[in-house]
Amino acid sequence: MVRAPYRVTEGPLSEQTSGSVAPDSPKCATCFWTKDKPVLRSSAMTLTNIVAQNLRAVRAQQKLSQLVVAKKARVSVSYVSMLERGERTPPLETLEVLAKALGVSPLYLLQELSTERARPRGR
């Protein structure tokens, strides 16, 4: 039997109109629903936003321009800008190249860090 892909609907259950939610399901304002299963939304930042925040912070801390980082990583300045705004998610290979250009580990760019950042360590 082939199943159709889940259709994602967002919002509290009271506002659901798709009819795909089981009637005995609990109401949840912080969930989104796939066909018949709730998926909790996290209040934490997305990985794309974490990378964006860390990339910008490391670049600013080192007083580097987007142009310098782009040249070191061999990517375009507009791509670095889009990454820093969270408009793009870099593939792992690009993340590694960016980390090397900034002198930090790729893991550092992926970690959600507190607002009181420790200085990034070189590789």
C-alpha atoms as a PDB file:
ATOM      1  CA  MET A   1       0.000   0.000   0.000  1.00  0.00           C
ATOM      2  CA  VAL A   2       1.444   3.371  -1.013  1.00  0.00           C
ATOM      3  CA  ARG A   3       0.781   6.257   1.370  1.00  0.00           C
ATOM      4  CA  ALA A   4       0.585   9.838   0.314  1.00  0.00           C
ATOM      5  CA  PRO A   5       3.205  12.116   1.866  1.00  0.00           C
ATOM      6  CA  TYR A   6       2.184  13.863   5.059  1.00  0.00           C
ATOM      7  CA  ARG A   7       0.739  17.300   4.673  1.00  0.00           C
ATOM      8  CA  VAL A   8       2.060  19.642   7.329  1.00  0.00           C
ATOM      9  CA  THR A   9      -0.389  22.022   8.909  1.00  0.00           C
ATOM     10  CA  GLU A  10       0.673  24.509  11.532  1.00  0.00           C
ATOM     11  CA  GLY A  11      -1.032  26.156  14.461  1.00  0.00           C
ATOM     12  CA  PRO A  12      -3.009  25.102  17.473  1.00  0.00           C
ATOM     13  CA  LEU A  13      -5.357  22.180  17.055  1.00  0.00           C
ATOM     14  CA  SER A  14      -8.363  24.415  17.618  1.00  0.00           C
ATOM     15  CA  GLU A  15      -7.465  26.142  14.356  1.00  0.00           C
ATOM     16  CA  GLN A  16      -6.847  22.955  12.374  1.00  0.00           C
ATOM     17  CA  THR A  17      -9.204  22.582   9.468  1.00  0.00           C
ATOM     18  CA  SER A  18      -7.575  19.734   7.590  1.00  0.00           C
ATOM     19  CA  GLY A  19      -9.527  17.029   9.412  1.00  0.00           C
ATOM     20  CA  SER A  20      -6.314  15.025   9.627  1.00  0.00           C
ATOM     21  CA  VAL A  21      -6.031  15.282  13.409  1.00  0.00           C
ATOM     22  CA  ALA A  22      -7.410  12.483  15.523  1.00  0.00           C
ATOM     23  CA  PRO A  23     -10.406  13.759  17.533  1.00  0.00           C
ATOM     24  CA  ASP A  24      -9.029  12.369  20.801  1.00  0.00           C
ATOM     25  CA  SER A  25      -5.633  14.086  20.385  1.00  0.00           C
ATOM     26  CA  PRO A  26      -4.622  16.613  23.044  1.00  0.00           C
ATOM     27  CA  LYS A  27      -4.644  20.266  22.076  1.00  0.00           C
ATOM     28  CA  CYS A  28      -1.179  21.707  21.712  1.00  0.00           C
ATOM     29  CA  ALA A  29      -0.314  25.288  20.837  1.00  0.00           C
ATOM     30  CA  THR A  30       3.359  24.460  20.362  1.00  0.00           C
ATOM     31  CA  CYS A  31       2.881  21.573  17.934  1.00  0.00           C
ATOM     32  CA  PHE A  32       2.563  21.219  14.236  1.00  0.00           C
ATOM     33  CA  TRP A  33       0.854  18.230  12.776  1.00  0.00           C
ATOM     34  CA  THR A  34       1.696  15.721  10.128  1.00  0.00           C
ATOM     35  CA  LYS A  35      -1.217  13.629   8.914  1.00  0.00           C
ATOM     36  CA  ASP A  36      -2.040  12.133  12.298  1.00  0.00           C
ATOM     37  CA  LYS A  37       1.001  12.709  14.504  1.00  0.00           C
ATOM     38  CA  PRO A  38       1.965  15.812  16.493  1.00  0.00           C
ATOM     39  CA  VAL A  39       5.526  17.063  16.229  1.00  0.00           C
ATOM     40  CA  LEU A  40       6.611  19.412  18.993  1.00  0.00           C
ATOM     41  CA  ARG A  41       8.102  22.704  17.995  1.00  0.00           C
ATOM     42  CA  SER A  42      11.260  23.593  19.826  1.00  0.00           C
ATOM     43  CA  SER A  43      11.783  27.046  21.230  1.00  0.00           C
ATOM     44  CA  ALA A  44      15.475  26.552  20.512  1.00  0.00           C
ATOM     45  CA  MET A  45      17.058  28.090  17.453  1.00  0.00           C
ATOM     46  CA  THR A  46      17.240  26.129  14.230  1.00  0.00           C
ATOM     47  CA  LEU A  47      20.586  24.776  13.118  1.00  0.00           C
ATOM     48  CA  THR A  48      20.599  27.242  10.218  1.00  0.00           C
ATOM     49  CA  ASN A  49      20.199  30.151  12.644  1.00  0.00           C
ATOM     50  CA  ILE A  50      22.870  28.777  14.975  1.00  0.00           C
ATOM     51  CA  VAL A  51      25.357  28.553  12.097  1.00  0.00           C
ATOM     52  CA  ALA A  52      24.372  32.050  10.964  1.00  0.00           C
ATOM     53  CA  GLN A  53      24.855  33.545  14.428  1.00  0.00           C
ATOM     54  CA  ASN A  54      28.172  31.766  15.020  1.00  0.00           C
ATOM     55  CA  LEU A  55      29.559  32.574  11.580  1.00  0.00           C
ATOM     56  CA  ARG A  56      28.803  36.268  11.987  1.00  0.00           C
ATOM     57  CA  ALA A  57      30.111  36.352  15.573  1.00  0.00           C
ATOM     58  CA  VAL A  58      33.429  34.658  14.732  1.00  0.00           C
ATOM     59  CA  ARG A  59      33.928  36.863  11.677  1.00  0.00           C
ATOM     60  CA  ALA A  60      33.187  40.026  13.668  1.00  0.00           C
ATOM     61  CA  GLN A  61      35.364  38.900  16.581  1.00  0.00           C
ATOM     62  CA  GLN A  62      38.284  38.463  14.199  1.00  0.00           C
ATOM     63  CA  LYS A  63      37.459  41.794  12.532  1.00  0.00           C
ATOM     64  CA  LEU A  64      37.226  40.185   9.101  1.00  0.00           C
ATOM     65  CA  SER A  65      35.019  41.419   6.305  1.00  0.00           C
ATOM     66  CA  GLN A  66      32.659  39.133   4.430  1.00  0.00           C
ATOM     67  CA  LEU A  67      34.907  39.646   1.393  1.00  0.00           C
ATOM     68  CA  VAL A  68      37.971  38.308   3.219  1.00  0.00           C
ATOM     69  CA  VAL A  69      36.079  35.269   4.523  1.00  0.00           C
ATOM     70  CA  ALA A  70      34.601  34.631   1.071  1.00  0.00           C
ATOM     71  CA  LYS A  71      38.039  34.752  -0.569  1.00  0.00           C
ATOM     72  CA  LYS A  72      39.586  32.441   2.032  1.00  0.00           C
ATOM     73  CA  ALA A  73      36.713  29.963   1.695  1.00  0.00           C
ATOM     74  CA  ARG A  74      36.475  30.364  -2.089  1.00  0.00           C
ATOM     75  CA  VAL A  75      32.783  31.225  -2.013  1.00  0.00           C
ATOM     76  CA  SER A  76      30.970  34.391  -3.067  1.00  0.00           C
ATOM     77  CA  VAL A  77      30.452  37.355  -0.770  1.00  0.00           C
ATOM     78  CA  SER A  78      26.701  37.145  -1.354  1.00  0.00           C
ATOM     79  CA  TYR A  79      26.747  33.499  -0.206  1.00  0.00           C
ATOM     80  CA  VAL A  80      28.547  34.438   3.028  1.00  0.00           C
ATOM     81  CA  SER A  81      25.969  37.184   3.530  1.00  0.00           C
ATOM     82  CA  MET A  82      23.060  34.782   2.950  1.00  0.00           C
ATOM     83  CA  LEU A  83      24.589  32.291   5.401  1.00  0.00           C
ATOM     84  CA  GLU A  84      24.959  34.987   8.063  1.00  0.00           C
ATOM     85  CA  ARG A  85      21.326  36.016   7.615  1.00  0.00           C
ATOM     86  CA  GLY A  86      20.177  32.403   7.872  1.00  0.00           C
ATOM     87  CA  GLU A  87      18.814  32.381   4.329  1.00  0.00           C
ATOM     88  CA  ARG A  88      20.935  29.401   3.282  1.00  0.00           C
ATOM     89  CA  THR A  89      22.154  26.267   5.027  1.00  0.00           C
ATOM     90  CA  PRO A  90      25.668  25.267   3.994  1.00  0.00           C
ATOM     91  CA  PRO A  91      26.513  21.683   3.085  1.00  0.00           C
ATOM     92  CA  LEU A  92      28.991  20.026   5.463  1.00  0.00           C
ATOM     93  CA  GLU A  93      31.865  20.475   3.011  1.00  0.00           C
ATOM     94  CA  THR A  94      31.240  24.221   2.839  1.00  0.00           C
ATOM     95  CA  LEU A  95      30.855  24.437   6.605  1.00  0.00           C
ATOM     96  CA  GLU A  96      34.261  22.773   6.939  1.00  0.00           C
ATOM     97  CA  VAL A  97      35.865  25.190   4.472  1.00  0.00           C
ATOM     98  CA  LEU A  98      34.331  28.197   6.246  1.00  0.00           C
ATOM     99  CA  ALA A  99      35.505  26.927   9.625  1.00  0.00           C
ATOM    100  CA  LYS A 100      39.026  26.466   8.297  1.00  0.00           C
ATOM    101  CA  ALA A 101      38.973  29.979   6.804  1.00  0.00           C
ATOM    102  CA  LEU A 102      37.982  31.349  10.214  1.00  0.00           C
ATOM    103  CA  GLY A 103      40.391  29.153  12.194  1.00  0.00           C
ATOM    104  CA  VAL A 104      37.711  27.371  14.228  1.00  0.00           C
ATOM    105  CA  SER A 105      36.409  23.825  14.250  1.00  0.00           C
ATOM    106  CA  PRO A 106      33.288  23.032  12.204  1.00  0.00           C
ATOM    107  CA  LEU A 107      31.665  21.871  15.431  1.00  0.00           C
ATOM    108  CA  TYR A 108      32.074  25.352  16.881  1.00  0.00           C
ATOM    109  CA  LEU A 109      29.907  26.765  14.087  1.00  0.00           C
ATOM    110  CA  LEU A 110      27.224  24.145  14.788  1.00  0.00           C
ATOM    111  CA  GLN A 111      26.973  24.503  18.567  1.00  0.00           C
ATOM    112  CA  GLU A 112      24.353  26.633  20.237  1.00  0.00           C
ATOM    113  CA  LEU A 113      26.471  28.743  22.547  1.00  0.00           C
ATOM    114  CA  SER A 114      25.481  30.967  25.426  1.00  0.00           C
ATOM    115  CA  THR A 115      25.464  34.711  24.973  1.00  0.00           C
ATOM    116  CA  GLU A 116      28.721  34.911  26.907  1.00  0.00           C
ATOM    117  CA  ARG A 117      30.872  33.246  24.288  1.00  0.00           C
ATOM    118  CA  ALA A 118      34.237  31.775  24.936  1.00  0.00           C
ATOM    119  CA  ARG A 119      36.880  32.681  22.400  1.00  0.00           C
ATOM    120  CA  PRO A 120      36.910  30.208  19.534  1.00  0.00           C
ATOM    121  CA  ARG A 121      39.826  27.828  19.500  1.00  0.00           C
ATOM    122  CA  GLY A 122      41.902  27.243  16.420  1.00  0.00           C
ATOM    123  CA  ARG A 123      42.139  23.807  14.878  1.00  0.00           C
END
